[in-house]
Amino acid sequence: MTAPVYLPPDAFGGINPPDLDLAADYLELKAALSPAGQSYSADIVNALGLNAEAEFEDVHEEIETREAVATGAVTTIGLRQRVLGRAYPFVTDEPGSTVCFVADEPDLGQAAYLVSLILSNLRAITPLLGSELHPSKDEVRALREYFQYFATAALAAEVGGPAWSFGFPRPDGSGFLAKLSEIWSDLKDGAVDPHPSAPASPKDDKVDIFAWREQTDGLPGFLLAVAQVATGGDWKDKPIRDQVKEVFPKRWFSPIPVTGWVAYHVVPFARPEEKFRDDVLVLGNVMHRIRVPKRVLEAETLIGQGLAIEAFDQLRVAADWVAKYFKDAKGQP
């Protein structure tokens, strides 16, 4: 028997705006984990009533609050569905009150979304997944690696060119300088030559992905994206804009590349529109759960054109893992 998905009432009361992304995640997880593959907006109204820790002074206020959260969750899911298209692993009925899971055998875009959905709701971040549903430590480690590979594919599609998964541990097991030299054998702007003061045993020096749009003349001045992939609750405390502008090139290159490096932050979380501007202001360009899956589908086209995206073969492994996770949780063979 599947443990219920828990909706915390304290996220929907008090002076702060209700967390509608959390409410939408609740309906998505309920649908994905239901044997019937469905959830309903009324599930939110019922859950908030069952989980309520304090009585409302006015019963009408209580009902209106619960219904407003349900309506907001339906609106949020509708937005996700419109933005992501076929990369979204759910569909809704016309009023939006029923959410249906349609990714028992997910494609790579749907798998990117589902891996992100699970990572967004690990117990260190939200209480939605009960102990019977929560991935083990080894599974969490694998999920973070899978998301790194999805992020690599997404950034490749973002710039329309090859990408390398540089974050430690690297999928090919290479060392820091060996991998950096491999990448720069293609980029050719500047030369890998560490300064004597640079750290002796770097892992990735905060850079998880390199992706570039090649200029066929072989000269500097091309689109070069570098990304931090962050899956923990402290994701916003890890900006790399200054790192990739002032630190990384000056540590590891001589001569230093003259091409500008565009900083990205790739996260599995869904972010509300009213907070997203500040995310970009602090972190640089942000790719989040509502952007990554579509880019992953676009990366399949790049692979078909013969462009190299490191660890792309691992995305199907991730899709198979996430399909098995939801089937096992529902007790299906």
Protein backbone atom coordinates (compact mmCIF):
# COMPACT_ATOMS: atom_id res chain seq x y z
CA MET A 1 0.00 0.00 0.00
CA THR A 2 1.37 3.36 -1.06
CA ALA A 3 2.07 5.88 1.66
CA PRO A 4 0.06 9.09 1.16
CA VAL A 5 1.62 12.23 -0.21
CA TYR A 6 1.53 14.76 2.61
CA LEU A 7 0.45 18.37 2.04
CA PRO A 8 1.75 20.63 4.86
CA PRO A 9 -0.93 23.10 5.98
CA ASP A 10 1.62 25.62 7.29
CA ALA A 11 2.59 26.41 3.67
CA PHE A 12 -0.89 27.81 3.07
CA GLY A 13 -1.66 30.02 6.02
CA GLY A 14 -0.41 33.12 7.76
CA ILE A 15 0.73 36.36 6.14
CA ASN A 16 2.89 34.82 3.40
CA PRO A 17 1.40 34.00 -0.02
CA PRO A 18 0.47 30.31 -0.37
CA ASP A 19 3.08 28.09 -2.01
CA LEU A 20 1.14 27.21 -5.16
CA ASP A 21 4.08 25.39 -6.73
CA LEU A 22 4.08 23.06 -3.73
CA ALA A 23 0.33 22.55 -4.11
CA ALA A 24 0.80 21.78 -7.81
CA ASP A 25 3.60 19.32 -6.98
CA TYR A 26 1.21 17.64 -4.55
CA LEU A 27 -1.35 17.03 -7.29
CA GLU A 28 1.32 15.81 -9.71
CA LEU A 29 2.79 13.35 -7.21
CA LYS A 30 -0.69 12.16 -6.20
CA ALA A 31 -1.50 11.46 -9.85
CA ALA A 32 1.84 9.77 -10.60
CA LEU A 33 1.56 7.57 -7.51
CA SER A 34 -2.13 6.71 -7.82
CA PRO A 35 -2.96 3.27 -9.29
CA ALA A 36 -5.53 5.07 -11.44
CA GLY A 37 -2.98 7.70 -12.48
CA GLN A 38 -5.22 10.60 -11.44
CA SER A 39 -5.58 13.29 -8.81
CA TYR A 40 -8.21 15.98 -8.29
CA SER A 41 -8.19 19.59 -7.18
CA ALA A 42 -10.61 18.55 -4.43
CA ASP A 43 -7.74 16.45 -2.99
CA ILE A 44 -6.12 19.71 -1.87
CA VAL A 45 -9.27 20.90 -0.13
CA ASN A 46 -9.59 17.56 1.65
CA ALA A 47 -5.88 17.32 2.54
CA LEU A 48 -5.77 20.78 4.07
CA GLY A 49 -8.82 19.90 6.14
CA LEU A 50 -7.36 16.61 7.36
CA ASN A 51 -3.91 18.04 8.07
CA ALA A 52 -5.07 21.29 9.66
CA GLU A 53 -3.23 21.98 12.90
CA ALA A 54 -5.37 24.88 14.02
CA GLU A 55 -9.03 25.82 13.72
CA PHE A 56 -10.05 28.83 11.64
CA GLU A 57 -12.12 31.36 13.56
CA ASP A 58 -14.45 31.66 10.56
CA VAL A 59 -15.53 28.47 8.77
CA HIS A 60 -16.21 30.44 5.59
CA GLU A 61 -12.66 31.81 5.66
CA GLU A 62 -11.35 28.26 6.06
CA ILE A 63 -13.31 26.97 3.07
CA GLU A 64 -12.36 29.95 0.90
CA THR A 65 -8.67 29.53 1.75
CA ARG A 66 -8.64 25.84 0.85
CA GLU A 67 -10.54 26.41 -2.38
CA ALA A 68 -8.24 29.29 -3.33
CA VAL A 69 -5.20 27.04 -2.91
CA ALA A 70 -6.85 24.37 -5.07
CA THR A 71 -7.70 26.91 -7.76
CA GLY A 72 -4.19 28.32 -7.66
CA ALA A 73 -2.68 24.84 -8.01
CA VAL A 74 -4.88 24.16 -11.05
CA THR A 75 -3.76 27.44 -12.62
CA THR A 76 -0.10 26.61 -11.93
CA ILE A 77 -0.45 23.17 -13.51
CA GLY A 78 -2.13 24.72 -16.52
CA LEU A 79 0.82 27.06 -16.96
CA ARG A 80 3.30 24.18 -16.72
CA GLN A 81 1.34 22.24 -19.31
CA ARG A 82 1.21 25.17 -21.75
CA VAL A 83 4.91 25.98 -21.43
CA LEU A 84 6.25 22.42 -21.59
CA GLY A 85 3.90 20.86 -24.13
CA ARG A 86 4.69 17.20 -24.75
CA ALA A 87 7.60 17.33 -22.29
CA TYR A 88 5.04 17.64 -19.47
CA PRO A 89 4.19 14.17 -18.07
CA PHE A 90 0.63 15.11 -17.07
CA VAL A 91 -2.55 16.25 -18.81
CA THR A 92 -5.66 17.85 -17.35
CA ASP A 93 -9.34 17.86 -18.21
CA GLU A 94 -10.89 21.04 -19.58
CA PRO A 95 -11.68 22.72 -16.26
CA GLY A 96 -8.31 21.54 -14.94
CA SER A 97 -9.80 19.82 -11.91
CA THR A 98 -8.44 16.37 -12.87
CA VAL A 99 -4.71 15.73 -13.33
CA CYS A 100 -3.73 12.58 -15.24
CA PHE A 101 -0.28 10.96 -15.31
CA VAL A 102 0.62 10.00 -18.91
CA ALA A 103 4.27 8.98 -18.60
CA ASP A 104 4.39 5.35 -17.48
CA GLU A 105 7.10 5.02 -20.15
CA PRO A 106 8.50 8.58 -20.13
CA ASP A 107 10.36 10.14 -23.02
CA LEU A 108 13.53 12.05 -22.15
CA GLY A 109 11.77 15.37 -21.63
CA GLN A 110 9.16 13.82 -19.34
CA ALA A 111 11.90 11.97 -17.48
CA ALA A 112 13.77 15.25 -16.93
CA TYR A 113 10.59 16.68 -15.39
CA LEU A 114 9.96 13.68 -13.15
CA VAL A 115 13.55 13.51 -11.87
CA SER A 116 13.24 17.23 -11.10
CA LEU A 117 9.90 16.70 -9.34
CA ILE A 118 11.37 14.08 -7.03
CA LEU A 119 14.51 16.11 -6.28
CA SER A 120 12.36 19.15 -5.50
CA ASN A 121 10.51 17.20 -2.84
CA LEU A 122 13.21 15.32 -0.97
CA ARG A 123 12.63 15.41 2.77
CA ALA A 124 15.30 18.08 3.30
CA ILE A 125 13.21 20.43 1.13
CA THR A 126 9.52 19.48 1.55
CA PRO A 127 7.55 16.86 3.50
CA LEU A 128 5.48 15.70 0.49
CA LEU A 129 7.16 12.29 0.10
CA GLY A 130 6.60 10.02 3.08
CA SER A 131 9.24 7.56 4.25
CA GLU A 132 7.83 4.72 2.11
CA LEU A 133 8.11 6.87 -1.00
CA HIS A 134 11.38 8.63 -0.27
CA PRO A 135 14.42 7.48 -2.32
CA SER A 136 17.31 5.91 -0.43
CA LYS A 137 20.65 7.70 -0.03
CA ASP A 138 22.10 5.80 -2.98
CA GLU A 139 19.05 6.62 -5.08
CA VAL A 140 19.28 10.30 -4.17
CA ARG A 141 22.91 10.28 -5.23
CA ALA A 142 21.94 8.68 -8.52
CA LEU A 143 19.11 11.19 -9.03
CA ARG A 144 21.52 14.10 -8.57
CA GLU A 145 23.86 12.59 -11.15
CA TYR A 146 20.97 12.04 -13.56
CA PHE A 147 19.91 15.66 -13.16
CA GLN A 148 23.48 16.75 -13.92
CA TYR A 149 23.25 14.85 -17.22
CA PHE A 150 19.83 16.30 -18.05
CA ALA A 151 21.24 19.75 -17.28
CA THR A 152 24.17 19.11 -19.63
CA ALA A 153 21.79 18.19 -22.45
CA ALA A 154 19.58 21.20 -21.69
CA LEU A 155 22.50 23.63 -21.79
CA ALA A 156 23.69 22.10 -25.07
CA ALA A 157 20.27 22.85 -26.57
CA GLU A 158 20.25 26.31 -25.00
CA VAL A 159 23.35 27.32 -26.99
CA GLY A 160 22.87 24.94 -29.91
CA GLY A 161 26.18 23.17 -29.60
CA PRO A 162 28.30 20.54 -27.83
CA ALA A 163 28.41 20.28 -24.04
CA TRP A 164 30.57 18.61 -21.42
CA SER A 165 29.57 17.36 -17.98
CA PHE A 166 32.43 18.83 -15.96
CA GLY A 167 31.06 18.54 -12.42
CA PHE A 168 32.68 16.08 -10.04
CA PRO A 169 32.49 13.13 -10.24
CA ARG A 170 32.82 13.33 -14.03
CA PRO A 171 31.05 10.59 -16.00
CA ASP A 172 34.28 9.55 -17.73
CA GLY A 173 36.25 9.49 -14.45
CA SER A 174 38.79 12.02 -15.74
CA GLY A 175 40.81 14.41 -13.60
CA PHE A 176 40.20 18.15 -13.47
CA LEU A 177 43.08 19.33 -15.68
CA ALA A 178 42.77 16.43 -18.10
CA LYS A 179 39.09 17.23 -18.67
CA LEU A 180 39.68 20.96 -18.95
CA SER A 181 42.44 20.34 -21.50
CA GLU A 182 40.14 18.04 -23.48
CA ILE A 183 37.46 20.74 -23.63
CA TRP A 184 39.94 23.44 -24.59
CA SER A 185 41.34 21.34 -27.40
CA ASP A 186 38.06 22.27 -29.12
CA LEU A 187 37.58 25.81 -27.79
CA LYS A 188 41.18 26.95 -28.36
CA ASP A 189 40.72 30.42 -26.80
CA GLY A 190 43.53 30.72 -24.26
CA ALA A 191 45.50 27.77 -22.97
CA VAL A 192 45.15 25.54 -19.91
CA ASP A 193 48.12 26.43 -17.73
CA PRO A 194 47.42 26.63 -13.97
CA HIS A 195 48.88 29.47 -11.94
CA PRO A 196 51.27 28.16 -9.25
CA SER A 197 48.90 29.46 -6.56
CA ALA A 198 45.89 27.49 -7.88
CA PRO A 199 44.40 24.74 -5.64
CA ALA A 200 46.39 21.52 -5.81
CA SER A 201 43.45 19.10 -5.89
CA PRO A 202 40.43 20.79 -7.46
CA LYS A 203 37.23 18.85 -8.09
CA ASP A 204 35.40 21.16 -10.49
CA ASP A 205 36.01 24.65 -9.03
CA LYS A 206 32.21 25.25 -8.99
CA VAL A 207 31.72 24.71 -12.74
CA ASP A 208 29.50 21.73 -13.61
CA ILE A 209 28.89 22.22 -17.36
CA PHE A 210 30.61 23.81 -20.34
CA ALA A 211 28.63 24.32 -23.56
CA TRP A 212 29.57 26.33 -26.64
CA ARG A 213 28.32 27.45 -30.04
CA GLU A 214 31.23 26.89 -32.37
CA GLN A 215 32.44 29.54 -34.78
CA THR A 216 33.87 27.74 -37.80
CA ASP A 217 36.65 30.29 -38.27
CA GLY A 218 38.32 28.93 -35.13
CA LEU A 219 38.69 32.38 -33.59
CA PRO A 220 37.69 33.58 -30.10
CA GLY A 221 34.49 35.46 -29.40
CA PHE A 222 31.86 32.71 -29.42
CA LEU A 223 28.91 31.81 -27.20
CA LEU A 224 30.28 29.96 -24.17
CA ALA A 225 27.90 28.96 -21.38
CA VAL A 226 29.14 27.67 -18.02
CA ALA A 227 26.75 26.34 -15.41
CA GLN A 228 26.43 25.42 -11.79
CA VAL A 229 23.97 22.58 -11.22
CA ALA A 230 22.37 22.90 -7.78
CA THR A 231 19.85 20.43 -6.35
CA GLY A 232 19.94 21.22 -2.62
CA GLY A 233 17.89 23.60 -0.56
CA ASP A 234 20.79 26.07 -0.52
CA TRP A 235 20.83 26.36 -4.33
CA LYS A 236 20.47 30.14 -4.31
CA ASP A 237 23.58 30.53 -2.15
CA LYS A 238 25.87 29.23 -4.92
CA PRO A 239 26.18 31.96 -7.57
CA ILE A 240 29.07 31.48 -9.99
CA ARG A 241 28.97 34.69 -12.05
CA ASP A 242 31.97 36.20 -10.25
CA GLN A 243 33.68 32.80 -10.13
CA VAL A 244 33.63 32.34 -13.89
CA LYS A 245 34.48 35.96 -14.61
CA GLU A 246 37.18 36.70 -12.07
CA VAL A 247 38.48 33.44 -10.57
CA PHE A 248 38.28 30.33 -12.75
CA PRO A 249 40.00 31.69 -15.90
CA LYS A 250 42.74 33.41 -13.89
CA ARG A 251 43.51 30.23 -11.97
CA TRP A 252 43.63 27.73 -14.79
CA PHE A 253 44.65 29.54 -18.00
CA SER A 254 47.60 31.42 -19.42
CA PRO A 255 46.94 33.20 -21.66
CA ILE A 256 43.46 33.82 -20.25
CA PRO A 257 40.52 33.34 -22.68
CA VAL A 258 39.16 36.58 -24.08
CA THR A 259 35.71 35.14 -24.85
CA GLY A 260 33.05 36.13 -22.33
CA TRP A 261 31.63 33.32 -20.21
CA VAL A 262 27.84 33.36 -19.70
CA ALA A 263 26.87 32.09 -16.25
CA TYR A 264 23.92 29.75 -15.85
CA HIS A 265 22.32 28.14 -12.83
CA VAL A 266 20.42 24.89 -13.47
CA VAL A 267 18.00 23.71 -10.77
CA PRO A 268 15.22 21.09 -10.55
CA PHE A 269 12.84 23.44 -8.77
CA ALA A 270 9.75 25.18 -10.12
CA ARG A 271 9.98 28.89 -9.40
CA PRO A 272 7.08 31.34 -9.03
CA GLU A 273 7.04 34.20 -11.53
CA GLU A 274 7.14 36.87 -8.82
CA LYS A 275 10.47 35.51 -7.49
CA PHE A 276 12.16 34.63 -10.75
CA ARG A 277 13.50 38.09 -11.53
CA ASP A 278 15.50 38.08 -8.31
CA ASP A 279 16.79 34.58 -9.07
CA VAL A 280 18.25 35.84 -12.34
CA LEU A 281 19.51 39.04 -10.73
CA VAL A 282 21.50 37.03 -8.17
CA LEU A 283 22.55 34.00 -10.22
CA GLY A 284 22.62 34.93 -13.89
CA ASN A 285 20.54 32.95 -16.38
CA VAL A 286 18.46 30.30 -14.62
CA MET A 287 17.19 27.08 -16.14
CA HIS A 288 14.63 25.45 -13.89
CA ARG A 289 12.06 22.67 -14.02
CA ILE A 290 9.80 24.54 -16.42
CA ARG A 291 12.66 25.09 -18.90
CA VAL A 292 14.95 22.07 -18.71
CA PRO A 293 12.61 19.35 -20.12
CA LYS A 294 11.90 21.14 -23.42
CA ARG A 295 15.58 21.80 -23.93
CA VAL A 296 16.31 18.12 -23.30
CA LEU A 297 13.96 17.19 -26.15
CA GLU A 298 15.72 19.73 -28.37
CA ALA A 299 19.05 18.13 -27.47
CA GLU A 300 17.86 14.89 -29.09
CA THR A 301 17.85 16.78 -32.40
CA LEU A 302 21.42 17.94 -31.80
CA ILE A 303 22.48 14.34 -31.18
CA GLY A 304 20.83 13.41 -34.48
CA GLN A 305 22.93 16.07 -36.17
CA GLY A 306 26.09 14.48 -34.82
CA LEU A 307 26.89 17.00 -32.07
CA ALA A 308 28.54 15.65 -28.93
CA ILE A 309 26.69 15.95 -25.61
CA GLU A 310 28.51 14.17 -22.82
CA ALA A 311 26.57 11.50 -20.89
CA PHE A 312 23.54 11.79 -23.17
CA ASP A 313 23.33 7.99 -23.20
CA GLN A 314 22.64 8.11 -19.46
CA LEU A 315 19.33 9.94 -19.98
CA ARG A 316 17.57 6.76 -21.06
CA VAL A 317 18.95 5.05 -17.95
CA ALA A 318 17.44 7.87 -15.89
CA ALA A 319 14.10 7.54 -17.70
CA ASP A 320 14.01 3.81 -16.97
CA TRP A 321 14.86 4.48 -13.31
CA VAL A 322 12.09 7.01 -12.83
CA ALA A 323 9.53 4.77 -14.58
CA LYS A 324 10.44 1.92 -12.22
CA TYR A 325 10.26 4.25 -9.17
CA PHE A 326 6.64 5.18 -9.83
CA LYS A 327 5.62 1.62 -10.78
CA ASP A 328 7.21 0.19 -7.64
CA ALA A 329 5.57 2.86 -5.48
CA LYS A 330 2.18 1.85 -6.88
CA GLY A 331 2.94 -1.84 -6.46
CA GLN A 332 2.80 -2.50 -10.21
CA PRO A 333 4.92 -5.18 -11.92
